[in-house]
């Protein structure tokens, strides 16, 4: 038995239903268009997230040929603007691919300025080493490394005690001298980020007195009133450690003319194992010294010394001996 719609539904009612369906379709179409307009930024973000997921997969699979195809996505503008987390594979890849210089294969054992200098530091290494039992074959990170020799806090450790490490220096002239000195450590022409993600800043280049000037200057080439300013890429310490495959550090030297506290506060201390630190404090105010000391105490460090220099303090911190729990989970 066959039934027709007209036999089941009276004509007037059928017309009414058709009108209601038409109105509903018009309303639904309009609503969908409005939602697309409102959600356009969200949709774009989801596309970016998909790209990040693809990059994770490529890095995990280790397919170098495919990873090379993602370089248009994995660049400084992207990691900075999206504030990618410190252990994001794209961040690590950029560091390795564009900034990381491997240790020199030749032992540059001659001190450029003076051949009779054994320890050019202002005393930092002689204070730190006893807390490490004068360890040989250790690992350091020196931020604000200068030319790698003059007043270097790690030169003695590398040359006399066979340490290896990472030299970080944003001043271009100073960094070129690091490469010329043939230090047997990794070297990067960057700054340490003041945030827990990559950033780009303007940097005042003045040799060992160089410092972060401020935010990136977009029209730097057009400005003629500011001298010795360059825009510099910055990475978190943890990102750099992952790039060189080390999260255990015996000595961390931080001398960046005023940004030390911000750098330390961006470190995921539960993911790294840093035994000793020397931290320059350009302010001699006791409140600044106390503030930094209290922060480091919360990270399981104790202050064991204070070096007074010309216009600055160097605070010496040593990791407490009690057991530390280090997590390698993503944050």
C-alpha atoms as a PDB file:
ATOM      1  CA  UNK A   1       0.000   0.000   0.000  1.00  0.00           C
ATOM      2  CA  UNK A   2       1.474   3.372  -1.016  1.00  0.00           C
ATOM      3  CA  UNK A   3       0.901   6.639   0.736  1.00  0.00           C
ATOM      4  CA  UNK A   4       1.490  10.089  -0.634  1.00  0.00           C
ATOM      5  CA  UNK A   5       2.558  13.020   1.515  1.00  0.00           C
ATOM      6  CA  UNK A   6      -0.516  14.956   0.425  1.00  0.00           C
ATOM      7  CA  UNK A   7      -2.830  12.179   1.600  1.00  0.00           C
ATOM      8  CA  UNK A   8      -1.166  12.143   5.033  1.00  0.00           C
ATOM      9  CA  UNK A   9      -0.835  15.927   5.525  1.00  0.00           C
ATOM     10  CA  UNK A  10      -3.525  18.420   4.516  1.00  0.00           C
ATOM     11  CA  UNK A  11      -2.471  20.921   1.875  1.00  0.00           C
ATOM     12  CA  UNK A  12      -2.489  24.021   4.073  1.00  0.00           C
ATOM     13  CA  UNK A  13      -0.477  22.276   6.759  1.00  0.00           C
ATOM     14  CA  UNK A  14       2.054  21.086   4.177  1.00  0.00           C
ATOM     15  CA  UNK A  15       2.544  24.623   2.925  1.00  0.00           C
ATOM     16  CA  UNK A  16       3.043  25.835   6.473  1.00  0.00           C
ATOM     17  CA  UNK A  17       5.644  23.163   7.130  1.00  0.00           C
ATOM     18  CA  UNK A  18       7.514  24.034   3.950  1.00  0.00           C
ATOM     19  CA  UNK A  19       7.561  27.693   4.940  1.00  0.00           C
ATOM     20  CA  UNK A  20       8.874  26.816   8.408  1.00  0.00           C
ATOM     21  CA  UNK A  21      11.609  24.613   6.926  1.00  0.00           C
ATOM     22  CA  UNK A  22      12.666  27.433   4.582  1.00  0.00           C
ATOM     23  CA  UNK A  23      12.835  29.927   7.439  1.00  0.00           C
ATOM     24  CA  UNK A  24      14.875  27.461   9.494  1.00  0.00           C
ATOM     25  CA  UNK A  25      17.341  26.898   6.648  1.00  0.00           C
ATOM     26  CA  UNK A  26      17.764  30.651   6.129  1.00  0.00           C
ATOM     27  CA  UNK A  27      18.324  31.175   9.857  1.00  0.00           C
ATOM     28  CA  UNK A  28      20.766  28.246  10.047  1.00  0.00           C
ATOM     29  CA  UNK A  29      22.786  29.506   7.053  1.00  0.00           C
ATOM     30  CA  UNK A  30      22.976  33.030   8.471  1.00  0.00           C
ATOM     31  CA  UNK A  31      23.990  31.708  11.900  1.00  0.00           C
ATOM     32  CA  UNK A  32      26.701  29.533  10.382  1.00  0.00           C
ATOM     33  CA  UNK A  33      28.147  32.467   8.435  1.00  0.00           C
ATOM     34  CA  UNK A  34      28.172  34.603  11.597  1.00  0.00           C
ATOM     35  CA  UNK A  35      29.917  31.861  13.554  1.00  0.00           C
ATOM     36  CA  UNK A  36      32.557  31.474  10.859  1.00  0.00           C
ATOM     37  CA  UNK A  37      33.288  35.192  10.981  1.00  0.00           C
ATOM     38  CA  UNK A  38      33.510  35.249  14.769  1.00  0.00           C
ATOM     39  CA  UNK A  39      35.579  32.076  14.961  1.00  0.00           C
ATOM     40  CA  UNK A  40      37.985  32.874  12.121  1.00  0.00           C
ATOM     41  CA  UNK A  41      40.891  33.607  14.537  1.00  0.00           C
ATOM     42  CA  UNK A  42      40.162  30.389  16.404  1.00  0.00           C
ATOM     43  CA  UNK A  43      40.111  28.409  13.165  1.00  0.00           C
ATOM     44  CA  UNK A  44      43.447  29.931  12.188  1.00  0.00           C
ATOM     45  CA  UNK A  45      44.870  28.972  15.582  1.00  0.00           C
ATOM     46  CA  UNK A  46      43.639  25.422  15.083  1.00  0.00           C
ATOM     47  CA  UNK A  47      45.448  25.303  11.755  1.00  0.00           C
ATOM     48  CA  UNK A  48      48.619  26.404  13.532  1.00  0.00           C
ATOM     49  CA  UNK A  49      48.093  23.792  16.213  1.00  0.00           C
ATOM     50  CA  UNK A  50      47.761  21.168  13.509  1.00  0.00           C
ATOM     51  CA  UNK A  51      51.053  22.346  12.049  1.00  0.00           C
ATOM     52  CA  UNK A  52      52.656  22.033  15.476  1.00  0.00           C
ATOM     53  CA  UNK A  53      51.291  18.501  15.847  1.00  0.00           C
ATOM     54  CA  UNK A  54      52.708  17.604  12.450  1.00  0.00           C
ATOM     55  CA  UNK A  55      56.071  19.020  13.462  1.00  0.00           C
ATOM     56  CA  UNK A  56      56.062  16.998  16.679  1.00  0.00           C
ATOM     57  CA  UNK A  57      55.401  13.865  14.660  1.00  0.00           C
ATOM     58  CA  UNK A  58      58.154  14.652  12.193  1.00  0.00           C
ATOM     59  CA  UNK A  59      60.690  15.302  14.940  1.00  0.00           C
ATOM     60  CA  UNK A  60      59.727  12.129  16.776  1.00  0.00           C
ATOM     61  CA  UNK A  61      59.937  10.064  13.608  1.00  0.00           C
ATOM     62  CA  UNK A  62      63.298  11.568  12.731  1.00  0.00           C
ATOM     63  CA  UNK A  63      62.548  12.025   9.022  1.00  0.00           C
ATOM     64  CA  UNK A  64      65.082  14.710   8.132  1.00  0.00           C
ATOM     65  CA  UNK A  65      63.829  15.186   4.572  1.00  0.00           C
ATOM     66  CA  UNK A  66      60.324  15.938   5.776  1.00  0.00           C
ATOM     67  CA  UNK A  67      61.555  18.129   8.623  1.00  0.00           C
ATOM     68  CA  UNK A  68      63.362  20.284   6.060  1.00  0.00           C
ATOM     69  CA  UNK A  69      60.036  20.974   4.388  1.00  0.00           C
ATOM     70  CA  UNK A  70      58.707  22.524   7.596  1.00  0.00           C
ATOM     71  CA  UNK A  71      61.317  25.288   7.777  1.00  0.00           C
ATOM     72  CA  UNK A  72      58.831  27.813   6.416  1.00  0.00           C
ATOM     73  CA  UNK A  73      56.692  27.047   9.464  1.00  0.00           C
ATOM     74  CA  UNK A  74      59.509  26.626  11.968  1.00  0.00           C
ATOM     75  CA  UNK A  75      61.111  30.065  12.072  1.00  0.00           C
ATOM     76  CA  UNK A  76      61.821  32.797  14.592  1.00  0.00           C
ATOM     77  CA  UNK A  77      58.749  34.874  13.776  1.00  0.00           C
ATOM     78  CA  UNK A  78      56.510  31.897  14.439  1.00  0.00           C
ATOM     79  CA  UNK A  79      58.076  30.686  17.687  1.00  0.00           C
ATOM     80  CA  UNK A  80      58.220  34.244  19.056  1.00  0.00           C
ATOM     81  CA  UNK A  81      54.696  35.299  18.113  1.00  0.00           C
ATOM     82  CA  UNK A  82      53.159  32.010  19.295  1.00  0.00           C
ATOM     83  CA  UNK A  83      55.271  31.950  22.469  1.00  0.00           C
ATOM     84  CA  UNK A  84      56.070  28.282  21.960  1.00  0.00           C
ATOM     85  CA  UNK A  85      56.934  26.377  25.096  1.00  0.00           C
ATOM     86  CA  UNK A  86      60.558  25.830  26.020  1.00  0.00           C
ATOM     87  CA  UNK A  87      60.748  22.197  24.929  1.00  0.00           C
ATOM     88  CA  UNK A  88      58.824  22.564  21.673  1.00  0.00           C
ATOM     89  CA  UNK A  89      60.676  20.641  18.917  1.00  0.00           C
ATOM     90  CA  UNK A  90      60.520  23.669  16.619  1.00  0.00           C
ATOM     91  CA  UNK A  91      62.366  25.811  19.179  1.00  0.00           C
ATOM     92  CA  UNK A  92      65.032  23.147  19.660  1.00  0.00           C
ATOM     93  CA  UNK A  93      65.391  22.683  15.914  1.00  0.00           C
ATOM     94  CA  UNK A  94      65.929  26.411  15.270  1.00  0.00           C
ATOM     95  CA  UNK A  95      68.642  26.569  17.919  1.00  0.00           C
ATOM     96  CA  UNK A  96      70.483  23.588  16.466  1.00  0.00           C
ATOM     97  CA  UNK A  97      70.002  24.581  12.851  1.00  0.00           C
ATOM     98  CA  UNK A  98      70.706  28.321  12.975  1.00  0.00           C
ATOM     99  CA  UNK A  99      72.514  29.342  16.167  1.00  0.00           C
ATOM    100  CA  UNK A 100      74.457  26.516  17.753  1.00  0.00           C
ATOM    101  CA  UNK A 101      78.202  26.389  17.004  1.00  0.00           C
ATOM    102  CA  UNK A 102      79.876  23.107  17.885  1.00  0.00           C
ATOM    103  CA  UNK A 103      83.018  22.955  20.035  1.00  0.00           C
ATOM    104  CA  UNK A 104      86.204  23.662  18.152  1.00  0.00           C
ATOM    105  CA  UNK A 105      88.045  20.594  16.914  1.00  0.00           C
ATOM    106  CA  UNK A 106      91.304  22.464  17.536  1.00  0.00           C
ATOM    107  CA  UNK A 107      92.428  23.256  21.066  1.00  0.00           C
ATOM    108  CA  UNK A 108      92.731  27.030  21.211  1.00  0.00           C
ATOM    109  CA  UNK A 109      94.992  26.981  24.233  1.00  0.00           C
ATOM    110  CA  UNK A 110      96.627  30.397  23.734  1.00  0.00           C
ATOM    111  CA  UNK A 111      95.059  33.290  25.616  1.00  0.00           C
ATOM    112  CA  UNK A 112      94.654  36.067  23.071  1.00  0.00           C
ATOM    113  CA  UNK A 113      95.481  38.999  25.340  1.00  0.00           C
ATOM    114  CA  UNK A 114      98.059  37.423  27.674  1.00  0.00           C
ATOM    115  CA  UNK A 115      99.750  34.066  27.313  1.00  0.00           C
ATOM    116  CA  UNK A 116     100.640  33.903  31.039  1.00  0.00           C
ATOM    117  CA  UNK A 117      97.036  34.016  32.293  1.00  0.00           C
ATOM    118  CA  UNK A 118      95.818  30.718  33.728  1.00  0.00           C
ATOM    119  CA  UNK A 119      92.537  31.895  35.258  1.00  0.00           C
ATOM    120  CA  UNK A 120      91.198  35.182  33.849  1.00  0.00           C
ATOM    121  CA  UNK A 121      88.077  35.204  36.051  1.00  0.00           C
ATOM    122  CA  UNK A 122      87.704  37.712  38.875  1.00  0.00           C
ATOM    123  CA  UNK A 123      87.748  34.804  41.330  1.00  0.00           C
ATOM    124  CA  UNK A 124      84.447  33.092  40.558  1.00  0.00           C
ATOM    125  CA  UNK A 125      86.000  29.796  39.469  1.00  0.00           C
ATOM    126  CA  UNK A 126      88.235  29.571  42.563  1.00  0.00           C
ATOM    127  CA  UNK A 127      85.162  30.044  44.789  1.00  0.00           C
ATOM    128  CA  UNK A 128      82.904  27.608  42.916  1.00  0.00           C
ATOM    129  CA  UNK A 129      85.320  24.730  42.336  1.00  0.00           C
ATOM    130  CA  UNK A 130      85.829  23.735  46.009  1.00  0.00           C
ATOM    131  CA  UNK A 131      82.050  23.212  46.261  1.00  0.00           C
ATOM    132  CA  UNK A 132      82.429  20.743  43.388  1.00  0.00           C
ATOM    133  CA  UNK A 133      85.495  19.027  44.917  1.00  0.00           C
ATOM    134  CA  UNK A 134      87.633  20.585  42.160  1.00  0.00           C
ATOM    135  CA  UNK A 135      85.877  18.316  39.707  1.00  0.00           C
ATOM    136  CA  UNK A 136      87.435  17.497  36.349  1.00  0.00           C
ATOM    137  CA  UNK A 137      85.386  16.894  33.218  1.00  0.00           C
ATOM    138  CA  UNK A 138      82.445  18.993  34.384  1.00  0.00           C
ATOM    139  CA  UNK A 139      79.886  20.940  32.371  1.00  0.00           C
ATOM    140  CA  UNK A 140      79.178  24.678  32.525  1.00  0.00           C
ATOM    141  CA  UNK A 141      76.945  27.328  31.000  1.00  0.00           C
ATOM    142  CA  UNK A 142      78.312  30.869  30.846  1.00  0.00           C
ATOM    143  CA  UNK A 143      75.866  33.579  29.828  1.00  0.00           C
ATOM    144  CA  UNK A 144      77.507  36.894  29.169  1.00  0.00           C
ATOM    145  CA  UNK A 145      80.634  35.077  28.032  1.00  0.00           C
ATOM    146  CA  UNK A 146      82.235  38.163  26.478  1.00  0.00           C
ATOM    147  CA  UNK A 147      85.045  37.230  24.107  1.00  0.00           C
ATOM    148  CA  UNK A 148      85.458  33.840  25.798  1.00  0.00           C
ATOM    149  CA  UNK A 149      88.736  34.822  27.447  1.00  0.00           C
ATOM    150  CA  UNK A 150      88.829  38.262  29.061  1.00  0.00           C
ATOM    151  CA  UNK A 151      87.385  37.880  32.583  1.00  0.00           C
ATOM    152  CA  UNK A 152      85.951  34.507  31.559  1.00  0.00           C
ATOM    153  CA  UNK A 153      84.549  32.572  34.513  1.00  0.00           C
ATOM    154  CA  UNK A 154      84.928  29.241  32.714  1.00  0.00           C
ATOM    155  CA  UNK A 155      88.211  29.505  30.802  1.00  0.00           C
ATOM    156  CA  UNK A 156      90.214  27.860  33.607  1.00  0.00           C
ATOM    157  CA  UNK A 157      87.700  25.033  33.965  1.00  0.00           C
ATOM    158  CA  UNK A 158      87.859  24.225  30.273  1.00  0.00           C
ATOM    159  CA  UNK A 159      91.601  24.571  29.753  1.00  0.00           C
ATOM    160  CA  UNK A 160      92.921  23.182  33.024  1.00  0.00           C
ATOM    161  CA  UNK A 161      90.205  20.774  34.205  1.00  0.00           C
ATOM    162  CA  UNK A 162      88.921  19.502  30.840  1.00  0.00           C
ATOM    163  CA  UNK A 163      85.387  20.833  31.281  1.00  0.00           C
ATOM    164  CA  UNK A 164      82.980  21.352  28.405  1.00  0.00           C
ATOM    165  CA  UNK A 165      80.068  23.713  28.237  1.00  0.00           C
ATOM    166  CA  UNK A 166      78.014  26.388  26.520  1.00  0.00           C
ATOM    167  CA  UNK A 167      79.102  29.973  25.898  1.00  0.00           C
ATOM    168  CA  UNK A 168      76.284  32.467  25.304  1.00  0.00           C
ATOM    169  CA  UNK A 169      77.073  35.971  24.053  1.00  0.00           C
ATOM    170  CA  UNK A 170      74.773  38.363  22.174  1.00  0.00           C
ATOM    171  CA  UNK A 171      77.381  41.030  21.324  1.00  0.00           C
ATOM    172  CA  UNK A 172      78.423  40.324  17.738  1.00  0.00           C
ATOM    173  CA  UNK A 173      82.036  41.485  17.992  1.00  0.00           C
ATOM    174  CA  UNK A 174      82.593  39.592  21.223  1.00  0.00           C
ATOM    175  CA  UNK A 175      81.021  36.467  19.773  1.00  0.00           C
ATOM    176  CA  UNK A 176      83.299  36.588  16.727  1.00  0.00           C
ATOM    177  CA  UNK A 177      86.241  36.545  19.124  1.00  0.00           C
ATOM    178  CA  UNK A 178      84.810  33.499  20.898  1.00  0.00           C
ATOM    179  CA  UNK A 179      84.869  31.659  17.592  1.00  0.00           C
ATOM    180  CA  UNK A 180      88.383  32.922  16.866  1.00  0.00           C
ATOM    181  CA  UNK A 181      89.633  31.748  20.270  1.00  0.00           C
ATOM    182  CA  UNK A 182      88.575  28.174  19.392  1.00  0.00           C
ATOM    183  CA  UNK A 183      87.029  27.347  22.731  1.00  0.00           C
ATOM    184  CA  UNK A 184      86.159  23.670  23.001  1.00  0.00           C
ATOM    185  CA  UNK A 185      82.602  24.400  24.019  1.00  0.00           C
ATOM    186  CA  UNK A 186      79.320  25.089  22.302  1.00  0.00           C
ATOM    187  CA  UNK A 187      78.709  28.747  21.495  1.00  0.00           C
ATOM    188  CA  UNK A 188      75.578  30.716  20.588  1.00  0.00           C
ATOM    189  CA  UNK A 189      75.201  34.367  19.457  1.00  0.00           C
ATOM    190  CA  UNK A 190      71.941  34.853  21.362  1.00  0.00           C
ATOM    191  CA  UNK A 191      70.656  36.122  24.677  1.00  0.00           C
ATOM    192  CA  UNK A 192      68.813  34.192  27.353  1.00  0.00           C
ATOM    193  CA  UNK A 193      65.122  34.962  27.255  1.00  0.00           C
ATOM    194  CA  UNK A 194      63.535  36.853  30.123  1.00  0.00           C
ATOM    195  CA  UNK A 195      60.377  34.842  29.481  1.00  0.00           C
ATOM    196  CA  UNK A 196      59.673  31.083  29.472  1.00  0.00           C
ATOM    197  CA  UNK A 197      59.459  31.198  25.673  1.00  0.00           C
ATOM    198  CA  UNK A 198      61.546  32.588  22.771  1.00  0.00           C
ATOM    199  CA  UNK A 199      61.616  36.358  22.293  1.00  0.00           C
ATOM    200  CA  UNK A 200      63.423  38.980  20.250  1.00  0.00           C
ATOM    201  CA  UNK A 201      64.816  42.072  21.953  1.00  0.00           C
ATOM    202  CA  UNK A 202      66.942  45.098  21.203  1.00  0.00           C
ATOM    203  CA  UNK A 203      70.448  44.686  22.597  1.00  0.00           C
ATOM    204  CA  UNK A 204      73.033  47.351  23.447  1.00  0.00           C
ATOM    205  CA  UNK A 205      76.401  46.126  22.184  1.00  0.00           C
ATOM    206  CA  UNK A 206      79.237  47.249  24.444  1.00  0.00           C
ATOM    207  CA  UNK A 207      81.575  44.302  24.869  1.00  0.00           C
ATOM    208  CA  UNK A 208      81.466  42.856  28.377  1.00  0.00           C
ATOM    209  CA  UNK A 209      79.066  45.649  29.386  1.00  0.00           C
ATOM    210  CA  UNK A 210      76.471  44.767  26.747  1.00  0.00           C
ATOM    211  CA  UNK A 211      72.894  44.431  27.949  1.00  0.00           C
ATOM    212  CA  UNK A 212      69.299  44.033  26.832  1.00  0.00           C
ATOM    213  CA  UNK A 213      68.052  47.480  25.796  1.00  0.00           C
ATOM    214  CA  UNK A 214      64.338  46.751  25.517  1.00  0.00           C
ATOM    215  CA  UNK A 215      61.729  45.305  23.200  1.00  0.00           C
ATOM    216  CA  UNK A 216      62.545  44.604  19.572  1.00  0.00           C
ATOM    217  CA  UNK A 217      62.769  47.804  17.520  1.00  0.00           C
ATOM    218  CA  UNK A 218      60.815  47.203  14.321  1.00  0.00           C
ATOM    219  CA  UNK A 219      62.257  50.178  12.391  1.00  0.00           C
ATOM    220  CA  UNK A 220      65.809  49.858  13.686  1.00  0.00           C
ATOM    221  CA  UNK A 221      67.394  50.498  10.264  1.00  0.00           C
ATOM    222  CA  UNK A 222      65.648  53.858  10.056  1.00  0.00           C
ATOM    223  CA  UNK A 223      66.800  55.069  13.468  1.00  0.00           C
ATOM    224  CA  UNK A 224      70.087  56.964  13.351  1.00  0.00           C
ATOM    225  CA  UNK A 225      70.038  58.439  16.859  1.00  0.00           C
ATOM    226  CA  UNK A 226      70.666  55.115  18.620  1.00  0.00           C
ATOM    227  CA  UNK A 227      74.140  53.643  18.271  1.00  0.00           C
ATOM    228  CA  UNK A 228      75.338  50.116  18.989  1.00  0.00           C
ATOM    229  CA  UNK A 229      71.809  48.704  19.138  1.00  0.00           C
ATOM    230  CA  UNK A 230      70.924  45.439  17.409  1.00  0.00           C
ATOM    231  CA  UNK A 231      67.862  43.213  17.503  1.00  0.00           C
ATOM    232  CA  UNK A 232      68.826  39.835  18.973  1.00  0.00           C
ATOM    233  CA  UNK A 233      67.028  36.506  19.258  1.00  0.00           C
ATOM    234  CA  UNK A 234      66.645  35.116  22.777  1.00  0.00           C
ATOM    235  CA  UNK A 235      65.931  31.559  23.910  1.00  0.00           C
ATOM    236  CA  UNK A 236      65.157  30.135  27.356  1.00  0.00           C
ATOM    237  CA  UNK A 237      68.032  28.385  29.100  1.00  0.00           C
ATOM    238  CA  UNK A 238      66.093  25.115  29.158  1.00  0.00           C
ATOM    239  CA  UNK A 239      65.662  25.213  25.363  1.00  0.00           C
ATOM    240  CA  UNK A 240      69.411  25.620  24.877  1.00  0.00           C
ATOM    241  CA  UNK A 241      70.179  22.785  27.285  1.00  0.00           C
ATOM    242  CA  UNK A 242      67.837  20.493  25.382  1.00  0.00           C
ATOM    243  CA  UNK A 243      69.493  21.543  22.118  1.00  0.00           C
ATOM    244  CA  UNK A 244      72.907  20.389  23.380  1.00  0.00           C
ATOM    245  CA  UNK A 245      71.499  17.323  25.120  1.00  0.00           C
ATOM    246  CA  UNK A 246      72.383  18.318  28.697  1.00  0.00           C
ATOM    247  CA  UNK A 247      70.078  19.134  31.591  1.00  0.00           C
ATOM    248  CA  UNK A 248      72.742  18.487  34.250  1.00  0.00           C
ATOM    249  CA  UNK A 249      75.047  21.466  34.755  1.00  0.00           C
ATOM    250  CA  UNK A 250      77.834  21.744  37.306  1.00  0.00           C
ATOM    251  CA  UNK A 251      78.267  25.526  37.062  1.00  0.00           C
ATOM    252  CA  UNK A 252      76.001  28.243  35.649  1.00  0.00           C
ATOM    253  CA  UNK A 253      77.501  31.731  35.338  1.00  0.00           C
ATOM    254  CA  UNK A 254      74.962  34.542  34.818  1.00  0.00           C
ATOM    255  CA  UNK A 255      76.417  37.970  34.042  1.00  0.00           C
ATOM    256  CA  UNK A 256      74.077  39.978  31.811  1.00  0.00           C
ATOM    257  CA  UNK A 257      74.186  43.463  33.305  1.00  0.00           C
ATOM    258  CA  UNK A 258      70.836  43.648  35.020  1.00  0.00           C
ATOM    259  CA  UNK A 259      68.524  40.915  33.685  1.00  0.00           C
ATOM    260  CA  UNK A 260      69.776  38.069  35.858  1.00  0.00           C
ATOM    261  CA  UNK A 261      66.720  37.753  38.103  1.00  0.00           C
ATOM    262  CA  UNK A 262      64.280  37.601  35.178  1.00  0.00           C
ATOM    263  CA  UNK A 263      66.367  34.913  33.499  1.00  0.00           C
ATOM    264  CA  UNK A 264      66.465  32.790  36.629  1.00  0.00           C
ATOM    265  CA  UNK A 265      62.718  33.116  37.123  1.00  0.00           C
ATOM    266  CA  UNK A 266      62.093  31.667  33.660  1.00  0.00           C
ATOM    267  CA  UNK A 267      64.037  28.462  34.407  1.00  0.00           C
ATOM    268  CA  UNK A 268      61.934  25.314  35.075  1.00  0.00           C
ATOM    269  CA  UNK A 269      64.035  24.292  38.070  1.00  0.00           C
ATOM    270  CA  UNK A 270      62.220  20.985  38.480  1.00  0.00           C
ATOM    271  CA  UNK A 271      63.521  19.921  35.059  1.00  0.00           C
ATOM    272  CA  UNK A 272      67.189  20.816  35.385  1.00  0.00           C
ATOM    273  CA  UNK A 273      69.991  19.835  37.751  1.00  0.00           C
ATOM    274  CA  UNK A 274      72.338  22.800  38.250  1.00  0.00           C
ATOM    275  CA  UNK A 275      74.866  22.323  41.035  1.00  0.00           C
ATOM    276  CA  UNK A 276      76.336  25.831  41.456  1.00  0.00           C
ATOM    277  CA  UNK A 277      75.704  29.355  40.199  1.00  0.00           C
ATOM    278  CA  UNK A 278      77.338  32.749  40.276  1.00  0.00           C
ATOM    279  CA  UNK A 279      74.865  35.538  39.606  1.00  0.00           C
ATOM    280  CA  UNK A 280      75.863  39.132  39.089  1.00  0.00           C
ATOM    281  CA  UNK A 281      73.665  41.738  40.750  1.00  0.00           C
ATOM    282  CA  UNK A 282      74.379  45.204  39.371  1.00  0.00           C
ATOM    283  CA  UNK A 283      72.443  46.798  42.209  1.00  0.00           C
ATOM    284  CA  UNK A 284      74.154  47.000  45.580  1.00  0.00           C
ATOM    285  CA  UNK A 285      70.813  47.455  47.349  1.00  0.00           C
ATOM    286  CA  UNK A 286      70.390  44.892  50.101  1.00  0.00           C
ATOM    287  CA  UNK A 287      66.718  44.477  49.207  1.00  0.00           C
ATOM    288  CA  UNK A 288      67.692  43.227  45.726  1.00  0.00           C
ATOM    289  CA  UNK A 289      70.246  40.811  47.135  1.00  0.00           C
ATOM    290  CA  UNK A 290      67.723  39.509  49.669  1.00  0.00           C
ATOM    291  CA  UNK A 291      64.984  39.152  47.062  1.00  0.00           C
ATOM    292  CA  UNK A 292      67.131  37.046  44.752  1.00  0.00           C
ATOM    293  CA  UNK A 293      68.444  34.997  47.671  1.00  0.00           C
ATOM    294  CA  UNK A 294      64.919  34.184  48.863  1.00  0.00           C
ATOM    295  CA  UNK A 295      63.875  33.170  45.371  1.00  0.00           C
ATOM    296  CA  UNK A 296      66.832  30.820  44.979  1.00  0.00           C
ATOM    297  CA  UNK A 297      66.199  29.354  48.432  1.00  0.00           C
ATOM    298  CA  UNK A 298      62.730  28.374  47.219  1.00  0.00           C
ATOM    299  CA  UNK A 299      64.429  26.542  44.338  1.00  0.00           C
ATOM    300  CA  UNK A 300      66.509  24.522  46.818  1.00  0.00           C
ATOM    301  CA  UNK A 301      69.695  26.620  46.742  1.00  0.00           C
ATOM    302  CA  UNK A 302      71.632  28.321  49.481  1.00  0.00           C
ATOM    303  CA  UNK A 303      73.832  31.397  49.215  1.00  0.00           C
ATOM    304  CA  UNK A 304      77.373  30.490  50.205  1.00  0.00           C
ATOM    305  CA  UNK A 305      79.204  33.654  49.282  1.00  0.00           C
ATOM    306  CA  UNK A 306      79.117  37.198  47.970  1.00  0.00           C
ATOM    307  CA  UNK A 307      81.847  38.785  45.864  1.00  0.00           C
ATOM    308  CA  UNK A 308      81.946  42.571  45.823  1.00  0.00           C
ATOM    309  CA  UNK A 309      83.227  44.071  42.598  1.00  0.00           C
ATOM    310  CA  UNK A 310      83.323  47.580  41.189  1.00  0.00           C
ATOM    311  CA  UNK A 311      79.644  48.520  41.192  1.00  0.00           C
ATOM    312  CA  UNK A 312      78.271  44.997  41.402  1.00  0.00           C
ATOM    313  CA  UNK A 313      77.875  41.901  43.551  1.00  0.00           C
ATOM    314  CA  UNK A 314      78.360  38.310  42.500  1.00  0.00           C
ATOM    315  CA  UNK A 315      76.193  35.964  44.550  1.00  0.00           C
ATOM    316  CA  UNK A 316      77.334  32.345  44.823  1.00  0.00           C
ATOM    317  CA  UNK A 317      74.623  29.712  45.142  1.00  0.00           C
ATOM    318  CA  UNK A 318      75.045  25.992  45.773  1.00  0.00           C
ATOM    319  CA  UNK A 319      72.360  23.377  45.369  1.00  0.00           C
ATOM    320  CA  UNK A 320      71.254  21.844  48.658  1.00  0.00           C
ATOM    321  CA  UNK A 321      72.495  18.291  49.161  1.00  0.00           C
ATOM    322  CA  UNK A 322      69.046  16.903  49.903  1.00  0.00           C
ATOM    323  CA  UNK A 323      67.440  14.739  47.239  1.00  0.00           C
ATOM    324  CA  UNK A 324      65.998  16.610  44.286  1.00  0.00           C
ATOM    325  CA  UNK A 325      63.070  15.378  42.226  1.00  0.00           C
ATOM    326  CA  UNK A 326      63.522  16.287  38.576  1.00  0.00           C
ATOM    327  CA  UNK A 327      60.629  15.898  36.157  1.00  0.00           C
ATOM    328  CA  UNK A 328      60.972  15.581  32.419  1.00  0.00           C
ATOM    329  CA  UNK A 329      57.263  15.892  31.663  1.00  0.00           C
ATOM    330  CA  UNK A 330      56.141  18.581  29.264  1.00  0.00           C
ATOM    331  CA  UNK A 331      54.762  21.745  30.822  1.00  0.00           C
END
